[in-house]
Amino acid sequence: MYAVIVTGGKQYRVSQGDKLRVEKLDVEEGGSVELDRVLMVVDGDDVKIGAPTLSGSKVTAQVKAHGRGDKVEIIKFRRRKHHMKRQGHRQAYTELEITGISA
């Protein structure tokens, strides 16, 4: 059984026991969160597709950790113009463990 959910503007295919990193959620570590924007649930041959989401479906997850990803360096360079701009970015994330899928 797996589901396709939306969080942080991205879609994820999850099943029970999966660990994934999503955009930072405002939940404390060790807490649980319910993701109710479920697009699709597949259980064997039974496929349920929402338009755009399934009403009454939810995915529960436990928050394992919060953190920041690896640094991404942005360099803007203009040749022969004596111009170079450097910038770095570290995206905040929340690590989740999927505990259940209810359709």
Protein backbone atom coordinates (compact mmCIF):
# COMPACT_ATOMS: atom_id res chain seq x y z
CA MET A 1 0.00 0.00 0.00
CA TYR A 2 1.32 3.43 -0.91
CA ALA A 3 0.06 6.98 -1.28
CA VAL A 4 1.03 10.13 -3.15
CA ILE A 5 0.94 13.23 -0.94
CA VAL A 6 1.63 16.93 -1.38
CA THR A 7 3.57 18.98 1.17
CA GLY A 8 5.76 22.00 0.73
CA GLY A 9 4.76 22.32 -2.93
CA LYS A 10 6.22 18.93 -3.82
CA GLN A 11 4.71 15.49 -4.35
CA TYR A 12 6.01 12.38 -2.57
CA ARG A 13 5.24 8.67 -2.99
CA VAL A 14 5.17 7.19 0.52
CA SER A 15 4.43 3.86 2.14
CA GLN A 16 4.38 2.82 5.78
CA GLY A 17 7.84 2.85 7.37
CA ASP A 18 9.40 5.23 4.82
CA LYS A 19 11.63 8.06 5.97
CA LEU A 20 11.70 11.24 3.93
CA ARG A 21 12.83 14.85 4.10
CA VAL A 22 10.23 17.52 3.40
CA GLU A 23 10.19 21.31 3.62
CA LYS A 24 10.32 22.46 7.24
CA LEU A 25 7.09 21.92 9.18
CA ASP A 26 6.20 23.77 12.38
CA VAL A 27 6.00 20.66 14.62
CA GLU A 28 8.32 19.76 17.50
CA GLU A 29 10.63 16.73 17.32
CA GLY A 30 8.95 13.52 18.43
CA GLY A 31 5.51 14.89 17.62
CA SER A 32 3.14 13.54 15.01
CA VAL A 33 1.68 15.24 11.98
CA GLU A 34 -1.27 14.38 9.73
CA LEU A 35 -0.83 15.06 6.04
CA ASP A 36 -4.31 15.37 4.56
CA ARG A 37 -3.47 16.47 1.01
CA VAL A 38 -3.52 12.96 -0.46
CA LEU A 39 -3.66 12.73 -4.25
CA MET A 40 -3.75 8.96 -4.70
CA VAL A 41 -3.90 5.77 -2.62
CA VAL A 42 -3.00 2.35 -4.05
CA ASP A 43 -3.77 -0.86 -2.15
CA GLY A 44 -3.02 -3.84 -4.41
CA ASP A 45 -5.45 -3.59 -7.33
CA ASP A 46 -7.61 -0.97 -5.59
CA VAL A 47 -6.59 2.49 -6.87
CA LYS A 48 -8.25 5.66 -5.57
CA ILE A 49 -7.48 8.91 -7.36
CA GLY A 50 -8.59 12.30 -6.08
CA ALA A 51 -9.81 15.28 -8.04
CA PRO A 52 -7.50 16.90 -6.97
CA THR A 53 -7.37 15.37 -3.46
CA LEU A 54 -9.11 12.48 -1.73
CA SER A 55 -11.51 13.61 0.96
CA GLY A 56 -11.27 11.66 4.21
CA SER A 57 -7.82 10.27 3.43
CA LYS A 58 -4.76 11.10 5.47
CA VAL A 59 -1.19 10.01 6.06
CA THR A 60 0.18 10.11 9.59
CA ALA A 61 3.86 10.62 10.25
CA GLN A 62 6.21 11.10 13.19
CA VAL A 63 8.76 13.92 13.20
CA LYS A 64 12.25 12.45 13.65
CA ALA A 65 14.44 15.54 13.28
CA HIS A 66 14.79 19.06 11.97
CA GLY A 67 17.89 20.22 10.15
CA ARG A 68 19.44 22.12 7.32
CA GLY A 69 20.62 20.61 4.06
CA ASP A 70 24.02 20.86 2.45
CA LYS A 71 25.18 24.25 1.25
CA VAL A 72 24.37 25.16 -2.34
CA GLU A 73 26.73 27.76 -3.75
CA ILE A 74 25.41 30.28 -6.24
CA ILE A 75 27.98 32.13 -8.36
CA LYS A 76 27.06 34.86 -10.83
CA PHE A 77 29.95 35.83 -13.08
CA ARG A 78 30.27 38.31 -15.94
CA ARG A 79 33.41 37.84 -17.98
CA ARG A 80 35.55 40.88 -18.70
CA LYS A 81 33.35 43.08 -16.48
CA HIS A 82 35.13 42.67 -13.09
CA HIS A 83 31.91 41.31 -11.63
CA MET A 84 31.47 38.17 -9.56
CA LYS A 85 28.82 37.56 -6.92
CA ARG A 86 28.86 34.59 -4.53
CA GLN A 87 25.96 33.45 -2.43
CA GLY A 88 25.23 30.35 -0.35
CA HIS A 89 21.98 28.72 0.73
CA ARG A 90 21.05 25.93 3.13
CA GLN A 91 17.45 24.74 2.95
CA ALA A 92 15.69 23.84 6.20
CA TYR A 93 14.01 20.43 6.30
CA THR A 94 11.97 18.13 8.53
CA GLU A 95 12.66 14.41 8.53
CA LEU A 96 9.49 12.32 8.77
CA GLU A 97 8.79 8.62 9.29
CA ILE A 98 5.47 7.47 7.85
CA THR A 99 3.45 5.58 10.48
CA GLY A 100 0.14 5.00 8.71
CA ILE A 101 -1.99 5.51 5.64
CA SER A 102 -5.78 5.66 5.91
CA ALA A 103 -7.98 5.87 2.84
